[in-house]
Amino acid sequence: MSYNAKNFSVMAYANGFTLWNYSTGDTLATVEGSGYFNETAPFVRTGDMVLANTGVGSTLVPAILSVSSVADNAVTVAAIAPTAA
């Protein structure tokens, strides 16, 4: 599969920050891959977050993704790992 704009929506927006929701049958590794979210470049900003439900229809793997960069229509995201206390 590939990115599907119909499954990408705004959950909240405030002070230049957007929280997005995305649901897909793709694996988390695919969603985190290079270029997966490039189509969103006109809309997302560095620091935005995406609540992602990946593996829908098979093995569901939810994740919180951070938009780490947006440059030249290239969007990079990374899963936010829990930090040690």
C-alpha atoms as a PDB file:
ATOM      1  CA  MET A   1       0.000   0.000   0.000  1.00  0.00           C
ATOM      2  CA  SER A   2       0.956   3.637   0.060  1.00  0.00           C
ATOM      3  CA  TYR A   3      -0.080   6.877   1.699  1.00  0.00           C
ATOM      4  CA  ASN A   4      -3.839   7.535   1.451  1.00  0.00           C
ATOM      5  CA  ALA A   5      -4.874  11.173   1.923  1.00  0.00           C
ATOM      6  CA  LYS A   6      -8.431  10.115   2.824  1.00  0.00           C
ATOM      7  CA  ASN A   7      -7.077   8.577   6.037  1.00  0.00           C
ATOM      8  CA  PHE A   8      -5.100  11.672   7.166  1.00  0.00           C
ATOM      9  CA  SER A   9      -7.018  14.276   9.152  1.00  0.00           C
ATOM     10  CA  VAL A  10      -6.603  17.075  11.680  1.00  0.00           C
ATOM     11  CA  MET A  11      -7.515  16.226  15.269  1.00  0.00           C
ATOM     12  CA  ALA A  12      -6.459  19.501  16.877  1.00  0.00           C
ATOM     13  CA  TYR A  13      -4.715  22.754  15.987  1.00  0.00           C
ATOM     14  CA  ALA A  14      -3.354  25.459  18.275  1.00  0.00           C
ATOM     15  CA  ASN A  15      -0.529  27.989  18.224  1.00  0.00           C
ATOM     16  CA  GLY A  16       1.003  26.692  14.998  1.00  0.00           C
ATOM     17  CA  PHE A  17       0.937  23.042  16.122  1.00  0.00           C
ATOM     18  CA  THR A  18      -1.253  20.385  14.504  1.00  0.00           C
ATOM     19  CA  LEU A  19      -2.144  16.965  15.858  1.00  0.00           C
ATOM     20  CA  TRP A  20      -2.992  14.629  12.988  1.00  0.00           C
ATOM     21  CA  ASN A  21      -4.643  11.207  12.818  1.00  0.00           C
ATOM     22  CA  TYR A  22      -3.690   8.578  10.252  1.00  0.00           C
ATOM     23  CA  SER A  23      -4.980   5.040   9.807  1.00  0.00           C
ATOM     24  CA  THR A  24      -3.550   2.466   7.384  1.00  0.00           C
ATOM     25  CA  GLY A  25      -3.057  -1.212   6.722  1.00  0.00           C
ATOM     26  CA  ASP A  26       0.630  -0.467   6.097  1.00  0.00           C
ATOM     27  CA  THR A  27       3.172  -1.509   8.709  1.00  0.00           C
ATOM     28  CA  LEU A  28       4.765   1.012  11.049  1.00  0.00           C
ATOM     29  CA  ALA A  29       8.111   0.440   9.303  1.00  0.00           C
ATOM     30  CA  THR A  30       6.529   1.392   5.965  1.00  0.00           C
ATOM     31  CA  VAL A  31       4.871   4.503   7.403  1.00  0.00           C
ATOM     32  CA  GLU A  32       8.160   5.618   8.965  1.00  0.00           C
ATOM     33  CA  GLY A  33       9.983   5.002   5.681  1.00  0.00           C
ATOM     34  CA  SER A  34      11.548   7.621   3.484  1.00  0.00           C
ATOM     35  CA  GLY A  35       9.035   9.626   1.484  1.00  0.00           C
ATOM     36  CA  TYR A  36       5.866   7.996   2.828  1.00  0.00           C
ATOM     37  CA  PHE A  37       4.306  11.302   3.955  1.00  0.00           C
ATOM     38  CA  ASN A  38       5.792  13.542   1.216  1.00  0.00           C
ATOM     39  CA  GLU A  39       2.295  14.267  -0.127  1.00  0.00           C
ATOM     40  CA  THR A  40       1.522  16.055   3.174  1.00  0.00           C
ATOM     41  CA  ALA A  41       4.401  18.557   2.776  1.00  0.00           C
ATOM     42  CA  PRO A  42       2.107  21.537   2.013  1.00  0.00           C
ATOM     43  CA  PHE A  43       0.181  20.940   5.252  1.00  0.00           C
ATOM     44  CA  VAL A  44       2.479  19.640   7.988  1.00  0.00           C
ATOM     45  CA  ARG A  45       5.177  21.480   9.923  1.00  0.00           C
ATOM     46  CA  THR A  46       8.223  20.344  11.820  1.00  0.00           C
ATOM     47  CA  GLY A  47       7.069  19.508  15.349  1.00  0.00           C
ATOM     48  CA  ASP A  48       3.576  18.365  14.362  1.00  0.00           C
ATOM     49  CA  MET A  49       2.528  14.971  15.686  1.00  0.00           C
ATOM     50  CA  VAL A  50       0.636  12.124  14.045  1.00  0.00           C
ATOM     51  CA  LEU A  51      -1.377   9.565  15.994  1.00  0.00           C
ATOM     52  CA  ALA A  52      -1.012   6.600  13.664  1.00  0.00           C
ATOM     53  CA  ASN A  53      -2.879   3.320  13.637  1.00  0.00           C
ATOM     54  CA  THR A  54      -0.787   1.045  11.442  1.00  0.00           C
ATOM     55  CA  GLY A  55      -1.411  -2.551  10.468  1.00  0.00           C
ATOM     56  CA  VAL A  56      -5.193  -2.026  10.449  1.00  0.00           C
ATOM     57  CA  GLY A  57      -6.867  -5.242   9.349  1.00  0.00           C
ATOM     58  CA  SER A  58      -3.966  -7.443  10.432  1.00  0.00           C
ATOM     59  CA  THR A  59      -1.674  -6.711  13.372  1.00  0.00           C
ATOM     60  CA  LEU A  60      -2.607  -3.293  14.738  1.00  0.00           C
ATOM     61  CA  VAL A  61       0.395  -1.229  15.858  1.00  0.00           C
ATOM     62  CA  PRO A  62      -0.485   2.240  17.162  1.00  0.00           C
ATOM     63  CA  ALA A  63       2.278   4.847  17.269  1.00  0.00           C
ATOM     64  CA  ILE A  64       2.885   8.501  17.995  1.00  0.00           C
ATOM     65  CA  LEU A  65       4.956  10.021  15.213  1.00  0.00           C
ATOM     66  CA  SER A  66       6.756  13.345  15.213  1.00  0.00           C
ATOM     67  CA  VAL A  67       7.325  15.320  12.023  1.00  0.00           C
ATOM     68  CA  SER A  68      11.063  15.810  12.315  1.00  0.00           C
ATOM     69  CA  SER A  69      11.580  17.758   9.083  1.00  0.00           C
ATOM     70  CA  VAL A  70       9.814  19.236   6.078  1.00  0.00           C
ATOM     71  CA  ALA A  71      12.100  20.444   3.306  1.00  0.00           C
ATOM     72  CA  ASP A  72      11.767  20.596  -0.485  1.00  0.00           C
ATOM     73  CA  ASN A  73       8.495  18.635  -0.337  1.00  0.00           C
ATOM     74  CA  ALA A  74      10.185  15.852   1.636  1.00  0.00           C
ATOM     75  CA  VAL A  75       8.583  14.939   4.972  1.00  0.00           C
ATOM     76  CA  THR A  76      10.441  12.913   7.588  1.00  0.00           C
ATOM     77  CA  VAL A  77       8.666  11.337  10.556  1.00  0.00           C
ATOM     78  CA  ALA A  78       9.915   9.278  13.475  1.00  0.00           C
ATOM     79  CA  ALA A  79       8.164   7.300  16.187  1.00  0.00           C
ATOM     80  CA  ILE A  80       8.405   8.894  19.597  1.00  0.00           C
ATOM     81  CA  ALA A  81       9.923   6.410  21.992  1.00  0.00           C
ATOM     82  CA  PRO A  82       9.109   6.552  25.692  1.00  0.00           C
ATOM     83  CA  THR A  83      11.836   8.313  27.645  1.00  0.00           C
ATOM     84  CA  ALA A  84      13.427   6.876  30.738  1.00  0.00           C
ATOM     85  CA  ALA A  85      12.225   8.435  33.964  1.00  0.00           C
END
